[in-house]
Amino acid sequence: MYTKQFEVRWNDIDANRHLANSAYINFMSHTRLSFMYENGFGQAEMSKNDLGPVVFYEHMYYFKEVFPGKPITVSLQLKGLSEDGRFFSFLHNFYDSNGINLARCEMMAGWIDLTTRKLRAIPDALLDSLQNLEKTKDFYTITKEDTRKHGQKPEHL
C-alpha cells in the first residue's frame, strides 16, 4: 500500500485545536501527487500531456481527533478505475504512529484536457501506474454513470 507520512503543523490546526478539515484534504492531495511523481507522472509530464486531475467529490469520515505533536500516515489505494483511465476513485486512510485508523476518505475524480476542458482518457504510462497501485477489496470498473451515482445536480439561483 502506498503511504506518505506528515507532521501535523500549527497551521494545520483549527479553532478546536485539532486537525482542520482543509488539512485532511491537503494531505490527501499531497499523497496522490507524490504517488504520481514517484511513478513518472509529475507536473512536467502532466503539462507535456496537457492533462490535469479534477476532483468530483471527497467523502470524509472522521473516527478520532488528530492533534499536533505526532506524525500521521496517509494511505492511498485504488478503489475504482474506468477502462480508459478517464475516471478513478481512491481510498485514503489516516493512521497515527501506532497504526490506529483516525479517518477515511473515498474520492472520485477524472482527467481533464487542459485545452479543450473536457474529460479524456489518459496516456498508457499513467494508466499502467494506476493499475499497479494496490486495489481495495471492493475495487470496481468505473462507468460514466458511476460518476453521477449520488444524484447531485446543480440548482441555479
N, C-alpha and C. Protein backbone atom coordinates (compact mmCIF):
# COMPACT_ATOMS: atom_id res chain seq x y z
N MET A 1 0.85 -1.17 0.00
CA MET A 1 0.00 0.00 0.00
C MET A 1 0.90 1.24 0.00
N TYR A 2 0.56 2.20 -0.84
CA TYR A 2 1.33 3.44 -0.88
C TYR A 2 0.95 4.29 0.33
N THR A 3 1.96 4.82 1.03
CA THR A 3 1.72 5.69 2.18
C THR A 3 2.66 6.88 2.15
N LYS A 4 2.25 7.94 2.82
CA LYS A 4 3.08 9.14 2.98
C LYS A 4 2.89 9.63 4.41
N GLN A 5 4.00 9.99 5.04
CA GLN A 5 3.94 10.46 6.43
C GLN A 5 3.97 11.99 6.46
N PHE A 6 3.22 12.55 7.41
CA PHE A 6 3.14 14.01 7.57
C PHE A 6 3.32 14.40 9.03
N GLU A 7 3.94 15.55 9.22
CA GLU A 7 4.00 16.19 10.53
C GLU A 7 2.79 17.13 10.61
N VAL A 8 2.07 17.09 11.70
CA VAL A 8 0.93 18.00 11.89
C VAL A 8 1.49 19.31 12.44
N ARG A 9 1.39 20.37 11.64
CA ARG A 9 1.96 21.67 11.99
C ARG A 9 0.91 22.57 12.63
N TRP A 10 1.35 23.65 13.25
CA TRP A 10 0.41 24.54 13.92
C TRP A 10 -0.60 25.11 12.94
N ASN A 11 -0.19 25.36 11.67
CA ASN A 11 -1.13 25.94 10.71
C ASN A 11 -2.08 24.90 10.11
N ASP A 12 -1.96 23.63 10.53
CA ASP A 12 -2.91 22.58 10.14
C ASP A 12 -4.06 22.46 11.14
N ILE A 13 -4.01 23.23 12.20
CA ILE A 13 -4.96 23.12 13.31
C ILE A 13 -6.06 24.17 13.18
N ASP A 14 -7.28 23.82 13.58
CA ASP A 14 -8.40 24.77 13.53
C ASP A 14 -8.69 25.34 14.91
N ALA A 15 -9.81 26.04 15.05
CA ALA A 15 -10.17 26.69 16.32
C ALA A 15 -10.40 25.69 17.45
N ASN A 16 -10.68 24.44 17.12
CA ASN A 16 -10.86 23.39 18.15
C ASN A 16 -9.54 22.73 18.54
N ARG A 17 -8.46 23.23 18.01
CA ARG A 17 -7.09 22.76 18.29
C ARG A 17 -6.85 21.32 17.83
N HIS A 18 -7.62 20.88 16.85
CA HIS A 18 -7.34 19.59 16.22
C HIS A 18 -7.17 19.81 14.71
N LEU A 19 -6.81 18.76 14.00
CA LEU A 19 -6.54 18.88 12.57
C LEU A 19 -7.76 19.42 11.82
N ALA A 20 -7.56 20.49 11.07
CA ALA A 20 -8.63 21.14 10.32
C ALA A 20 -9.05 20.29 9.12
N ASN A 21 -10.31 20.40 8.76
CA ASN A 21 -10.83 19.67 7.60
C ASN A 21 -9.97 19.95 6.36
N SER A 22 -9.62 21.20 6.14
CA SER A 22 -8.82 21.56 4.97
C SER A 22 -7.46 20.87 4.97
N ALA A 23 -6.90 20.60 6.15
CA ALA A 23 -5.61 19.91 6.23
C ALA A 23 -5.74 18.46 5.77
N TYR A 24 -6.84 17.80 6.12
CA TYR A 24 -7.07 16.44 5.63
C TYR A 24 -7.05 16.43 4.10
N ILE A 25 -7.78 17.37 3.51
CA ILE A 25 -7.87 17.46 2.05
C ILE A 25 -6.48 17.70 1.45
N ASN A 26 -5.72 18.62 2.05
CA ASN A 26 -4.37 18.92 1.56
C ASN A 26 -3.44 17.72 1.68
N PHE A 27 -3.51 16.99 2.79
CA PHE A 27 -2.65 15.81 2.98
C PHE A 27 -2.99 14.74 1.94
N MET A 28 -4.27 14.57 1.64
CA MET A 28 -4.65 13.56 0.64
C MET A 28 -4.15 13.96 -0.75
N SER A 29 -4.32 15.23 -1.10
CA SER A 29 -3.86 15.72 -2.39
C SER A 29 -2.35 15.55 -2.52
N HIS A 30 -1.62 15.89 -1.46
CA HIS A 30 -0.16 15.75 -1.45
C HIS A 30 0.22 14.28 -1.64
N THR A 31 -0.49 13.37 -0.98
CA THR A 31 -0.22 11.94 -1.10
C THR A 31 -0.43 11.47 -2.53
N ARG A 32 -1.54 11.87 -3.15
CA ARG A 32 -1.81 11.47 -4.53
C ARG A 32 -0.75 11.99 -5.48
N LEU A 33 -0.39 13.26 -5.34
CA LEU A 33 0.60 13.83 -6.25
C LEU A 33 1.99 13.24 -6.01
N SER A 34 2.31 12.89 -4.78
CA SER A 34 3.59 12.22 -4.51
C SER A 34 3.63 10.87 -5.22
N PHE A 35 2.53 10.13 -5.17
CA PHE A 35 2.46 8.86 -5.89
C PHE A 35 2.70 9.09 -7.38
N MET A 36 2.04 10.10 -7.95
CA MET A 36 2.20 10.40 -9.38
C MET A 36 3.66 10.72 -9.71
N TYR A 37 4.27 11.62 -8.92
CA TYR A 37 5.67 11.98 -9.15
C TYR A 37 6.58 10.76 -9.08
N GLU A 38 6.39 9.94 -8.07
CA GLU A 38 7.24 8.77 -7.87
C GLU A 38 7.05 7.72 -8.95
N ASN A 39 5.97 7.84 -9.69
CA ASN A 39 5.69 6.88 -10.76
C ASN A 39 5.80 7.51 -12.15
N GLY A 40 6.60 8.58 -12.23
CA GLY A 40 6.93 9.16 -13.52
C GLY A 40 5.87 10.04 -14.14
N PHE A 41 4.91 10.50 -13.34
CA PHE A 41 3.87 11.34 -13.91
C PHE A 41 3.66 12.58 -13.06
N GLY A 42 4.73 13.37 -12.92
CA GLY A 42 4.67 14.60 -12.15
C GLY A 42 4.14 15.76 -12.97
N GLN A 43 4.34 16.95 -12.46
CA GLN A 43 3.81 18.16 -13.08
C GLN A 43 4.31 18.35 -14.52
N ALA A 44 5.59 18.08 -14.75
CA ALA A 44 6.15 18.26 -16.10
C ALA A 44 5.48 17.31 -17.09
N GLU A 45 5.27 16.07 -16.68
CA GLU A 45 4.64 15.08 -17.57
C GLU A 45 3.17 15.43 -17.80
N MET A 46 2.48 15.90 -16.76
CA MET A 46 1.09 16.32 -16.94
C MET A 46 1.01 17.49 -17.91
N SER A 47 1.94 18.44 -17.76
CA SER A 47 1.97 19.60 -18.64
C SER A 47 2.24 19.18 -20.09
N LYS A 48 3.20 18.29 -20.26
CA LYS A 48 3.53 17.78 -21.59
C LYS A 48 2.32 17.12 -22.26
N ASN A 49 1.50 16.46 -21.46
CA ASN A 49 0.30 15.78 -21.98
C ASN A 49 -0.95 16.66 -21.92
N ASP A 50 -0.78 17.93 -21.47
CA ASP A 50 -1.89 18.87 -21.38
C ASP A 50 -3.06 18.27 -20.59
N LEU A 51 -2.72 17.71 -19.42
CA LEU A 51 -3.65 16.90 -18.65
C LEU A 51 -3.62 17.32 -17.19
N GLY A 52 -4.78 17.34 -16.54
CA GLY A 52 -4.83 17.65 -15.12
C GLY A 52 -5.95 16.88 -14.44
N PRO A 53 -5.75 16.54 -13.15
CA PRO A 53 -6.80 15.84 -12.41
C PRO A 53 -7.87 16.82 -11.94
N VAL A 54 -9.12 16.37 -11.94
CA VAL A 54 -10.22 17.19 -11.43
C VAL A 54 -11.06 16.31 -10.50
N VAL A 55 -11.22 16.79 -9.26
CA VAL A 55 -11.94 16.02 -8.23
C VAL A 55 -13.44 16.24 -8.38
N PHE A 56 -14.21 15.14 -8.36
CA PHE A 56 -15.67 15.21 -8.40
C PHE A 56 -16.24 15.30 -6.99
N TYR A 57 -15.71 14.48 -6.08
CA TYR A 57 -16.14 14.54 -4.68
C TYR A 57 -15.10 13.89 -3.79
N GLU A 58 -15.14 14.29 -2.52
CA GLU A 58 -14.33 13.67 -1.46
C GLU A 58 -15.26 13.49 -0.26
N HIS A 59 -15.50 12.24 0.12
CA HIS A 59 -16.37 11.94 1.26
C HIS A 59 -15.49 11.55 2.44
N MET A 60 -15.51 12.39 3.47
CA MET A 60 -14.67 12.18 4.66
C MET A 60 -15.47 11.52 5.78
N TYR A 61 -14.77 10.64 6.50
CA TYR A 61 -15.32 10.00 7.70
C TYR A 61 -14.27 10.14 8.79
N TYR A 62 -14.63 10.78 9.89
CA TYR A 62 -13.70 11.04 10.98
C TYR A 62 -13.96 10.08 12.13
N PHE A 63 -12.90 9.43 12.62
CA PHE A 63 -13.04 8.46 13.71
C PHE A 63 -12.46 8.96 15.02
N LYS A 64 -11.30 9.61 14.95
CA LYS A 64 -10.63 10.12 16.16
C LYS A 64 -10.00 11.47 15.82
N GLU A 65 -9.91 12.34 16.82
CA GLU A 65 -9.27 13.63 16.60
C GLU A 65 -7.77 13.45 16.37
N VAL A 66 -7.22 14.37 15.59
CA VAL A 66 -5.78 14.40 15.34
C VAL A 66 -5.24 15.70 15.91
N PHE A 67 -4.19 15.58 16.73
CA PHE A 67 -3.57 16.74 17.37
C PHE A 67 -2.12 16.87 16.92
N PRO A 68 -1.55 18.06 17.06
CA PRO A 68 -0.14 18.22 16.69
C PRO A 68 0.77 17.46 17.65
N GLY A 69 1.98 17.19 17.18
CA GLY A 69 2.97 16.57 18.05
C GLY A 69 3.40 15.19 17.65
N LYS A 70 2.56 14.48 16.92
CA LYS A 70 2.92 13.14 16.45
C LYS A 70 2.62 13.04 14.96
N PRO A 71 3.46 12.32 14.23
CA PRO A 71 3.22 12.20 12.79
C PRO A 71 1.97 11.37 12.48
N ILE A 72 1.41 11.62 11.32
CA ILE A 72 0.32 10.79 10.82
C ILE A 72 0.74 10.23 9.46
N THR A 73 0.14 9.12 9.11
CA THR A 73 0.41 8.47 7.83
C THR A 73 -0.88 8.44 7.03
N VAL A 74 -0.78 8.81 5.75
CA VAL A 74 -1.93 8.79 4.85
C VAL A 74 -1.68 7.72 3.79
N SER A 75 -2.65 6.82 3.65
CA SER A 75 -2.52 5.75 2.65
C SER A 75 -3.27 6.11 1.37
N LEU A 76 -2.93 5.39 0.32
CA LEU A 76 -3.57 5.57 -0.98
C LEU A 76 -3.80 4.20 -1.60
N GLN A 77 -5.06 3.89 -1.91
CA GLN A 77 -5.40 2.66 -2.61
C GLN A 77 -6.36 2.98 -3.74
N LEU A 78 -6.32 2.18 -4.78
CA LEU A 78 -7.20 2.35 -5.92
C LEU A 78 -8.52 1.64 -5.65
N LYS A 79 -9.60 2.42 -5.60
CA LYS A 79 -10.93 1.87 -5.33
C LYS A 79 -11.67 1.58 -6.63
N GLY A 80 -11.40 2.36 -7.67
CA GLY A 80 -12.06 2.16 -8.95
C GLY A 80 -11.30 2.83 -10.07
N LEU A 81 -11.50 2.33 -11.29
CA LEU A 81 -10.82 2.89 -12.46
C LEU A 81 -11.64 2.53 -13.69
N SER A 82 -11.86 3.52 -14.57
CA SER A 82 -12.54 3.21 -15.83
C SER A 82 -11.55 2.51 -16.76
N GLU A 83 -12.06 1.86 -17.77
CA GLU A 83 -11.20 1.09 -18.67
C GLU A 83 -10.14 1.95 -19.33
N ASP A 84 -10.47 3.19 -19.68
CA ASP A 84 -9.50 4.07 -20.34
C ASP A 84 -8.78 5.00 -19.36
N GLY A 85 -9.07 4.86 -18.07
CA GLY A 85 -8.41 5.68 -17.05
C GLY A 85 -9.00 7.07 -16.88
N ARG A 86 -10.00 7.41 -17.65
CA ARG A 86 -10.62 8.74 -17.59
C ARG A 86 -11.18 9.06 -16.21
N PHE A 87 -11.75 8.05 -15.55
CA PHE A 87 -12.31 8.20 -14.21
C PHE A 87 -11.55 7.31 -13.24
N PHE A 88 -11.36 7.80 -12.02
CA PHE A 88 -10.70 6.98 -11.00
C PHE A 88 -11.25 7.32 -9.63
N SER A 89 -11.12 6.36 -8.72
CA SER A 89 -11.55 6.55 -7.34
C SER A 89 -10.45 6.04 -6.43
N PHE A 90 -10.11 6.83 -5.43
CA PHE A 90 -9.09 6.45 -4.46
C PHE A 90 -9.72 6.34 -3.08
N LEU A 91 -9.12 5.48 -2.26
CA LEU A 91 -9.46 5.39 -0.85
C LEU A 91 -8.23 5.82 -0.07
N HIS A 92 -8.42 6.79 0.83
CA HIS A 92 -7.35 7.25 1.72
C HIS A 92 -7.73 6.87 3.15
N ASN A 93 -6.75 6.41 3.91
CA ASN A 93 -6.92 6.21 5.34
C ASN A 93 -5.84 7.00 6.05
N PHE A 94 -6.19 7.55 7.20
CA PHE A 94 -5.26 8.29 8.06
C PHE A 94 -4.98 7.44 9.28
N TYR A 95 -3.69 7.30 9.63
CA TYR A 95 -3.28 6.48 10.77
C TYR A 95 -2.35 7.26 11.68
N ASP A 96 -2.43 6.98 12.99
CA ASP A 96 -1.46 7.58 13.91
C ASP A 96 -0.21 6.71 13.93
N SER A 97 0.76 7.07 14.79
CA SER A 97 2.04 6.36 14.82
C SER A 97 1.91 4.93 15.32
N ASN A 98 0.76 4.58 15.92
CA ASN A 98 0.51 3.21 16.38
C ASN A 98 -0.35 2.40 15.40
N GLY A 99 -0.66 2.99 14.24
CA GLY A 99 -1.46 2.29 13.25
C GLY A 99 -2.96 2.37 13.48
N ILE A 100 -3.39 3.24 14.41
CA ILE A 100 -4.82 3.43 14.68
C ILE A 100 -5.43 4.25 13.54
N ASN A 101 -6.54 3.76 12.98
CA ASN A 101 -7.22 4.44 11.87
C ASN A 101 -8.00 5.65 12.41
N LEU A 102 -7.58 6.84 12.00
CA LEU A 102 -8.13 8.09 12.51
C LEU A 102 -9.25 8.65 11.63
N ALA A 103 -9.14 8.43 10.32
CA ALA A 103 -10.12 8.98 9.38
C ALA A 103 -10.01 8.21 8.07
N ARG A 104 -11.04 8.36 7.25
CA ARG A 104 -11.07 7.69 5.95
C ARG A 104 -11.74 8.63 4.95
N CYS A 105 -11.31 8.54 3.71
CA CYS A 105 -11.93 9.33 2.65
C CYS A 105 -12.00 8.52 1.36
N GLU A 106 -13.17 8.55 0.76
CA GLU A 106 -13.34 7.99 -0.58
C GLU A 106 -13.50 9.18 -1.51
N MET A 107 -12.72 9.20 -2.57
CA MET A 107 -12.82 10.30 -3.52
C MET A 107 -12.94 9.76 -4.93
N MET A 108 -13.59 10.54 -5.79
CA MET A 108 -13.67 10.19 -7.21
C MET A 108 -13.23 11.40 -8.01
N ALA A 109 -12.54 11.13 -9.10
CA ALA A 109 -12.01 12.20 -9.93
C ALA A 109 -11.90 11.74 -11.38
N GLY A 110 -11.47 12.64 -12.21
CA GLY A 110 -11.25 12.34 -13.62
C GLY A 110 -10.07 13.15 -14.13
N TRP A 111 -9.78 12.97 -15.39
CA TRP A 111 -8.67 13.69 -16.03
C TRP A 111 -9.24 14.61 -17.08
N ILE A 112 -8.82 15.88 -17.03
CA ILE A 112 -9.33 16.89 -17.95
C ILE A 112 -8.23 17.32 -18.91
N ASP A 113 -8.59 17.47 -20.17
CA ASP A 113 -7.69 18.02 -21.18
C ASP A 113 -7.64 19.53 -20.91
N LEU A 114 -6.47 20.06 -20.68
CA LEU A 114 -6.35 21.46 -20.27
C LEU A 114 -6.58 22.46 -21.40
N THR A 115 -6.67 21.99 -22.64
CA THR A 115 -7.00 22.86 -23.76
C THR A 115 -8.50 22.84 -24.05
N THR A 116 -9.05 21.63 -24.21
CA THR A 116 -10.47 21.52 -24.56
C THR A 116 -11.38 21.64 -23.35
N ARG A 117 -10.81 21.45 -22.13
CA ARG A 117 -11.56 21.48 -20.87
C ARG A 117 -12.59 20.35 -20.80
N LYS A 118 -12.31 19.25 -21.48
CA LYS A 118 -13.19 18.08 -21.50
C LYS A 118 -12.47 16.91 -20.84
N LEU A 119 -13.24 16.02 -20.23
CA LEU A 119 -12.67 14.80 -19.67
C LEU A 119 -12.15 13.93 -20.80
N ARG A 120 -11.03 13.23 -20.51
CA ARG A 120 -10.45 12.41 -21.56
C ARG A 120 -9.68 11.22 -20.99
N ALA A 121 -9.38 10.27 -21.87
CA ALA A 121 -8.57 9.11 -21.50
C ALA A 121 -7.14 9.58 -21.20
N ILE A 122 -6.39 8.73 -20.53
CA ILE A 122 -5.02 9.09 -20.14
C ILE A 122 -4.00 8.27 -20.92
N PRO A 123 -2.75 8.76 -20.96
CA PRO A 123 -1.68 8.01 -21.63
C PRO A 123 -1.47 6.64 -20.98
N ASP A 124 -1.03 5.69 -21.78
CA ASP A 124 -0.82 4.32 -21.29
C ASP A 124 0.11 4.26 -20.09
N ALA A 125 1.16 5.09 -20.07
CA ALA A 125 2.11 5.05 -18.95
C ALA A 125 1.42 5.39 -17.63
N LEU A 126 0.55 6.39 -17.64
CA LEU A 126 -0.18 6.76 -16.43
C LEU A 126 -1.20 5.68 -16.08
N LEU A 127 -1.88 5.15 -17.07
CA LEU A 127 -2.85 4.08 -16.84
C LEU A 127 -2.16 2.88 -16.20
N ASP A 128 -0.98 2.53 -16.69
CA ASP A 128 -0.22 1.40 -16.11
C ASP A 128 0.12 1.67 -14.65
N SER A 129 0.55 2.90 -14.33
CA SER A 129 0.89 3.25 -12.94
C SER A 129 -0.32 3.10 -12.03
N LEU A 130 -1.46 3.59 -12.49
CA LEU A 130 -2.68 3.49 -11.68
C LEU A 130 -3.10 2.03 -11.51
N GLN A 131 -3.00 1.25 -12.57
CA GLN A 131 -3.40 -0.16 -12.48
C GLN A 131 -2.50 -0.96 -11.54
N ASN A 132 -1.26 -0.48 -11.34
CA ASN A 132 -0.33 -1.18 -10.46
C ASN A 132 -0.45 -0.76 -9.00
N LEU A 133 -1.24 0.27 -8.72
CA LEU A 133 -1.47 0.70 -7.34
C LEU A 133 -2.31 -0.37 -6.63
N GLU A 134 -2.02 -0.60 -5.35
CA GLU A 134 -2.80 -1.59 -4.60
C GLU A 134 -4.29 -1.25 -4.66
N LYS A 135 -5.10 -2.26 -4.95
CA LYS A 135 -6.54 -2.08 -5.07
C LYS A 135 -7.25 -2.43 -3.76
N THR A 136 -8.37 -1.77 -3.51
CA THR A 136 -9.20 -2.10 -2.36
C THR A 136 -9.91 -3.43 -2.62
N LYS A 137 -10.42 -4.03 -1.56
CA LYS A 137 -11.15 -5.30 -1.70
C LYS A 137 -12.39 -5.15 -2.56
N ASP A 138 -12.98 -3.94 -2.55
CA ASP A 138 -14.20 -3.70 -3.32
C ASP A 138 -13.94 -2.92 -4.61
N PHE A 139 -12.74 -3.07 -5.17
CA PHE A 139 -12.37 -2.40 -6.41
C PHE A 139 -13.40 -2.71 -7.50
N TYR A 140 -13.69 -1.69 -8.33
CA TYR A 140 -14.64 -1.88 -9.43
C TYR A 140 -14.22 -1.08 -10.65
N THR A 141 -14.77 -1.45 -11.80
CA THR A 141 -14.54 -0.70 -13.04
C THR A 141 -15.57 0.41 -13.11
N ILE A 142 -15.10 1.65 -13.17
CA ILE A 142 -15.98 2.82 -13.15
C ILE A 142 -16.56 3.07 -14.54
N THR A 143 -17.86 3.34 -14.57
CA THR A 143 -18.53 3.76 -15.79
C THR A 143 -18.91 5.24 -15.64
N LYS A 144 -19.28 5.86 -16.74
CA LYS A 144 -19.71 7.26 -16.69
C LYS A 144 -20.88 7.43 -15.73
N GLU A 145 -21.78 6.45 -15.70
CA GLU A 145 -22.95 6.51 -14.82
C GLU A 145 -22.54 6.54 -13.34
N ASP A 146 -21.45 5.86 -13.00
CA ASP A 146 -20.97 5.85 -11.62
C ASP A 146 -20.58 7.24 -11.14
N THR A 147 -20.19 8.11 -12.05
CA THR A 147 -19.77 9.46 -11.65
C THR A 147 -20.95 10.31 -11.19
N ARG A 148 -22.15 9.84 -11.44
CA ARG A 148 -23.37 10.57 -11.04
C ARG A 148 -24.21 9.77 -10.06
N LYS A 149 -23.62 8.76 -9.41
CA LYS A 149 -24.39 7.84 -8.57
C LYS A 149 -25.03 8.50 -7.36
N HIS A 150 -24.56 9.66 -6.96
CA HIS A 150 -25.15 10.32 -5.80
C HIS A 150 -26.30 11.26 -6.17
N GLY A 151 -26.57 11.38 -7.46
CA GLY A 151 -27.73 12.14 -7.92
C GLY A 151 -27.64 13.65 -7.73
N GLN A 152 -26.46 14.16 -7.53
CA GLN A 152 -26.32 15.60 -7.31
C GLN A 152 -26.28 16.34 -8.65
N LYS A 153 -27.10 17.38 -8.75
CA LYS A 153 -27.15 18.21 -9.95
C LYS A 153 -27.18 19.67 -9.51
N PRO A 154 -26.68 20.56 -10.35
CA PRO A 154 -26.71 21.98 -9.99
C PRO A 154 -28.14 22.49 -9.82
N GLU A 155 -28.32 23.39 -8.87
CA GLU A 155 -29.60 24.09 -8.69
C GLU A 155 -29.28 25.57 -8.70
N HIS A 156 -29.48 26.20 -9.83
CA HIS A 156 -29.09 27.59 -10.02
C HIS A 156 -30.04 28.55 -9.29
N LEU A 157 -29.53 29.72 -8.95
CA LEU A 157 -30.36 30.75 -8.31
C LEU A 157 -31.40 31.30 -9.26
